[in-house]
Amino acid sequence: MKTVKPLIMMIAIIMMAFGVQAQKLGKFGSSIEKQVGPKTVKVPYTDVVSYLGHAAPGNEDEVKDGKKFYYIYVWIPAVAPELGVRMMSPVPKGFKAKGAINGTGYKDNAGSKDYFDTYITIERSNIIDKSKINASEVANAEWVVLEYNDDSSEMPNNPGGSSYNSLLRYKSEVSNPAKALTIGLYRIGFTTYKRGEVNGTFLAEVASPIKLPGVAMAKTVEELAESLK
């Protein structure tokens, strides 16, 4: 019986270490690859905008196909060859991202154990003039889903040990105006894979392989318009 207690303690320590490692976020790599010794690695994006937020039941922006969707609005000020989007939930306790935007509710819930199975989309609107970023114009805008992702093996596992965090990369289709990454208003849509409540802290990042001075990111249309003044 004397060996049981130390064994239980050892298992607990290993599980705690795994939980910390599971939510360790590496550099955001682009689709561009290079050879480093025997390994092929993705070249990190040069421009990354980070957003720390909190999603709670009842605060969804839209119910679509039976799922509760939340949106983060993004202004892209120049033509981009590629955009990367990734999301992790929950945000680990003590996590820091340089220059991150702290969304409403994040600080009050930082360190919470609540998290959700992320499902993300990147969508482009037909709004190309930032002076038209207001509730009325956005409500009547046309939105095109460019790409989506549910589970990514490139992302850290969640605290439950599952690879349910999300990452996508979208290359501009120059020959197709409807799918090109032009100047304009975009949004990140997120929900859960299964229908249900979305609850927990999250980190969302939008990235580009080239510098895009003037990128703005906000949870609401009003906040985005204000940041662009």
Protein backbone atom coordinates (compact mmCIF):
# COMPACT_ATOMS: atom_id res chain seq x y z
CA MET A 1 0.00 0.00 0.00
CA LYS A 2 2.95 2.33 0.62
CA THR A 3 3.79 2.45 -3.10
CA VAL A 4 0.28 3.45 -4.17
CA LYS A 5 0.33 7.02 -2.86
CA PRO A 6 3.65 7.98 -4.52
CA LEU A 7 2.42 6.42 -7.76
CA ILE A 8 -0.79 8.48 -7.66
CA MET A 9 1.23 11.63 -6.99
CA MET A 10 3.53 10.87 -9.92
CA ILE A 11 0.57 10.35 -12.26
CA ALA A 12 -0.95 13.64 -11.09
CA ILE A 13 2.31 15.50 -11.74
CA ILE A 14 2.58 14.00 -15.23
CA MET A 15 -1.03 14.97 -16.00
CA MET A 16 -0.43 18.52 -14.77
CA ALA A 17 2.69 18.79 -16.90
CA PHE A 18 0.77 17.51 -19.91
CA GLY A 19 -1.98 20.04 -19.32
CA VAL A 20 0.53 22.92 -19.34
CA GLN A 21 2.27 21.58 -22.44
CA ALA A 22 -1.07 20.99 -24.16
CA GLN A 23 -1.82 24.72 -24.24
CA LYS A 24 1.67 25.95 -25.18
CA LEU A 25 1.32 27.97 -28.38
CA GLY A 26 4.16 28.03 -30.91
CA LYS A 27 4.95 30.55 -33.64
CA PHE A 28 2.30 31.03 -36.30
CA GLY A 29 3.74 29.55 -39.48
CA SER A 30 2.67 30.53 -42.99
CA SER A 31 2.18 28.20 -45.95
CA ILE A 32 5.75 29.01 -47.05
CA GLU A 33 8.14 26.23 -46.08
CA LYS A 34 11.92 25.98 -45.84
CA GLN A 35 14.41 23.25 -45.04
CA VAL A 36 16.17 23.55 -41.67
CA GLY A 37 18.59 20.65 -41.36
CA PRO A 38 16.60 17.43 -41.68
CA LYS A 39 13.27 19.18 -41.00
CA THR A 40 10.86 21.13 -43.18
CA VAL A 41 9.39 24.06 -41.23
CA LYS A 42 6.80 26.70 -41.99
CA VAL A 43 8.18 30.24 -42.18
CA PRO A 44 6.47 32.33 -39.45
CA TYR A 45 4.07 35.09 -40.48
CA THR A 46 5.68 38.52 -40.29
CA ASP A 47 2.51 40.38 -39.25
CA VAL A 48 0.29 38.95 -36.48
CA VAL A 49 -2.59 40.69 -34.70
CA SER A 50 -3.79 38.99 -31.50
CA TYR A 51 -7.15 39.28 -29.76
CA LEU A 52 -7.91 37.94 -26.27
CA GLY A 53 -11.62 37.49 -25.69
CA HIS A 54 -14.37 35.74 -23.79
CA ALA A 55 -17.50 34.13 -25.20
CA ALA A 56 -20.53 33.51 -23.01
CA PRO A 57 -23.94 31.91 -23.55
CA GLY A 58 -26.53 34.42 -24.71
CA ASN A 59 -23.99 36.82 -26.23
CA GLU A 60 -23.87 35.23 -29.67
CA ASP A 61 -24.13 37.47 -32.74
CA GLU A 62 -26.14 35.11 -34.93
CA VAL A 63 -27.68 31.66 -35.00
CA LYS A 64 -26.75 30.02 -38.29
CA ASP A 65 -27.58 26.44 -39.26
CA GLY A 66 -28.59 25.86 -35.66
CA LYS A 67 -25.23 27.00 -34.30
CA LYS A 68 -24.49 30.06 -32.18
CA PHE A 69 -21.94 32.19 -34.04
CA TYR A 70 -19.77 34.96 -32.66
CA TYR A 71 -17.87 37.43 -34.86
CA ILE A 72 -14.68 39.46 -34.62
CA TYR A 73 -14.44 42.19 -37.26
CA VAL A 74 -11.18 42.90 -39.08
CA TRP A 75 -10.22 45.76 -41.39
CA ILE A 76 -7.58 44.75 -43.97
CA PRO A 77 -6.02 47.96 -45.42
CA ALA A 78 -4.09 46.45 -48.34
CA VAL A 79 -4.08 43.56 -50.79
CA ALA A 80 -2.69 40.45 -49.08
CA PRO A 81 -1.29 37.28 -50.69
CA GLU A 82 -2.41 35.13 -47.76
CA LEU A 83 -4.20 35.36 -44.42
CA GLY A 84 -3.82 32.95 -41.54
CA VAL A 85 -6.34 32.64 -38.71
CA ARG A 86 -6.02 30.53 -35.58
CA MET A 87 -7.98 30.18 -32.35
CA MET A 88 -7.24 28.54 -29.02
CA SER A 89 -9.55 28.01 -26.04
CA PRO A 90 -9.07 28.47 -23.15
CA VAL A 91 -6.30 31.03 -22.81
CA PRO A 92 -3.83 29.49 -20.33
CA LYS A 93 -3.37 31.27 -17.01
CA GLY A 94 -0.56 33.81 -17.27
CA PHE A 95 -0.52 33.69 -21.08
CA LYS A 96 0.80 36.82 -22.78
CA ALA A 97 0.73 37.89 -26.43
CA LYS A 98 2.70 40.99 -27.42
CA GLY A 99 0.40 43.89 -28.25
CA ALA A 100 -2.75 41.77 -27.86
CA ILE A 101 -6.15 43.47 -27.90
CA ASN A 102 -8.08 42.69 -24.69
CA GLY A 103 -11.73 42.22 -25.54
CA THR A 104 -14.69 42.93 -23.24
CA GLY A 105 -14.99 40.33 -20.50
CA TYR A 106 -11.55 38.85 -20.98
CA LYS A 107 -9.83 40.29 -17.90
CA ASP A 108 -12.77 39.36 -15.66
CA ASN A 109 -12.58 35.75 -16.86
CA ALA A 110 -8.81 35.33 -17.34
CA GLY A 111 -7.70 32.04 -15.85
CA SER A 112 -11.16 30.47 -16.10
CA LYS A 113 -11.19 26.72 -16.76
CA ASP A 114 -14.13 27.02 -19.16
CA TYR A 115 -13.31 26.34 -22.81
CA PHE A 116 -14.99 25.30 -26.06
CA ASP A 117 -14.31 23.19 -29.15
CA THR A 118 -13.40 25.93 -31.63
CA TYR A 119 -14.74 26.07 -35.20
CA ILE A 120 -13.61 29.09 -37.22
CA THR A 121 -14.35 30.81 -40.53
CA ILE A 122 -12.75 33.72 -42.39
CA GLU A 123 -15.31 35.79 -44.28
CA ARG A 124 -15.01 38.76 -46.64
CA SER A 125 -17.66 41.42 -47.12
CA ASN A 126 -18.39 43.73 -50.05
CA ILE A 127 -17.51 46.78 -47.91
CA ILE A 128 -14.27 48.31 -49.19
CA ASP A 129 -14.65 51.82 -47.77
CA LYS A 130 -13.93 52.10 -44.03
CA SER A 131 -16.26 55.10 -43.78
CA LYS A 132 -19.11 52.63 -44.36
CA ILE A 133 -18.26 50.52 -41.32
CA ASN A 134 -21.39 51.06 -39.26
CA ALA A 135 -24.18 48.84 -37.93
CA SER A 136 -26.58 49.59 -40.78
CA GLU A 137 -24.13 48.97 -43.64
CA VAL A 138 -22.67 45.83 -42.03
CA ALA A 139 -26.13 44.38 -41.35
CA ASN A 140 -26.88 44.59 -45.08
CA ALA A 141 -23.43 43.55 -46.33
CA GLU A 142 -22.83 40.49 -48.46
CA TRP A 143 -20.50 37.97 -46.81
CA VAL A 144 -18.50 35.23 -48.52
CA VAL A 145 -16.96 32.39 -46.48
CA LEU A 146 -13.43 32.03 -47.85
CA GLU A 147 -12.24 29.18 -45.63
CA TYR A 148 -13.06 27.30 -42.42
CA ASN A 149 -11.43 24.88 -39.98
CA ASP A 150 -12.55 22.74 -37.08
CA ASP A 151 -9.64 20.74 -35.65
CA SER A 152 -5.96 21.34 -36.39
CA SER A 153 -3.09 19.04 -35.39
CA GLU A 154 -0.82 22.11 -35.60
CA MET A 155 -2.53 23.66 -32.60
CA PRO A 156 -2.04 22.73 -28.93
CA ASN A 157 -4.43 20.19 -27.48
CA ASN A 158 -7.11 21.55 -25.18
CA PRO A 159 -7.04 20.71 -21.44
CA GLY A 160 -9.04 17.57 -22.19
CA GLY A 161 -6.23 16.29 -24.40
CA SER A 162 -8.11 16.67 -27.70
CA SER A 163 -6.83 18.57 -30.78
CA TYR A 164 -9.96 20.70 -30.98
CA ASN A 165 -8.31 24.10 -31.50
CA SER A 166 -8.40 25.59 -35.00
CA LEU A 167 -6.09 27.00 -37.67
CA LEU A 168 -6.57 27.94 -41.31
CA ARG A 169 -4.54 29.56 -44.08
CA TYR A 170 -6.17 31.15 -47.08
CA LYS A 171 -4.28 32.11 -50.23
CA SER A 172 -5.72 34.88 -52.35
CA GLU A 173 -7.23 33.70 -55.63
CA VAL A 174 -6.12 36.60 -57.82
CA SER A 175 -7.88 35.26 -60.91
CA ASN A 176 -11.20 35.12 -59.03
CA PRO A 177 -12.35 38.55 -57.74
CA ALA A 178 -14.88 36.88 -55.43
CA LYS A 179 -12.10 34.96 -53.65
CA ALA A 180 -9.28 37.52 -53.76
CA LEU A 181 -7.87 39.10 -50.59
CA THR A 182 -8.53 42.74 -51.34
CA ILE A 183 -8.82 45.84 -49.17
CA GLY A 184 -11.98 45.67 -47.11
CA LEU A 185 -13.96 44.50 -44.11
CA TYR A 186 -13.54 40.89 -43.01
CA ARG A 187 -14.71 38.93 -40.01
CA ILE A 188 -13.68 35.83 -38.11
CA GLY A 189 -16.68 33.69 -37.29
CA PHE A 190 -16.44 31.18 -34.48
CA THR A 191 -18.67 28.65 -32.81
CA THR A 192 -18.43 25.02 -31.67
CA TYR A 193 -18.40 21.95 -33.90
CA LYS A 194 -21.47 20.54 -32.16
CA ARG A 195 -24.57 22.62 -31.56
CA GLY A 196 -24.60 24.05 -28.08
CA GLU A 197 -23.29 26.83 -25.91
CA VAL A 198 -20.00 28.63 -26.52
CA ASN A 199 -18.38 29.44 -23.19
CA GLY A 200 -14.80 30.31 -22.30
CA THR A 201 -11.78 32.49 -22.98
CA PHE A 202 -10.05 32.40 -26.33
CA LEU A 203 -7.10 33.73 -28.29
CA ALA A 204 -7.77 34.66 -31.92
CA GLU A 205 -4.98 35.69 -34.28
CA VAL A 206 -5.02 37.04 -37.83
CA ALA A 207 -1.71 36.97 -39.68
CA SER A 208 -0.10 37.82 -43.01
CA PRO A 209 3.26 37.00 -44.62
CA ILE A 210 3.72 40.72 -45.41
CA LYS A 211 3.36 43.79 -43.21
CA LEU A 212 -0.12 45.33 -43.42
CA PRO A 213 0.08 48.71 -41.63
CA GLY A 214 -3.31 49.76 -40.32
CA VAL A 215 -4.91 46.36 -39.66
CA ALA A 216 -7.66 46.79 -37.06
CA MET A 217 -9.54 44.14 -35.12
CA ALA A 218 -12.54 44.45 -32.77
CA LYS A 219 -15.43 42.43 -31.40
CA THR A 220 -18.10 44.88 -32.56
CA VAL A 221 -18.63 47.04 -35.61
CA GLU A 222 -18.81 50.14 -33.39
CA GLU A 223 -15.47 49.36 -31.72
CA LEU A 224 -13.83 48.76 -35.08
CA ALA A 225 -15.14 52.03 -36.53
CA GLU A 226 -13.87 53.91 -33.49
CA SER A 227 -10.38 52.35 -33.75
CA LEU A 228 -10.16 53.42 -37.40
CA LYS A 229 -10.80 57.11 -36.73
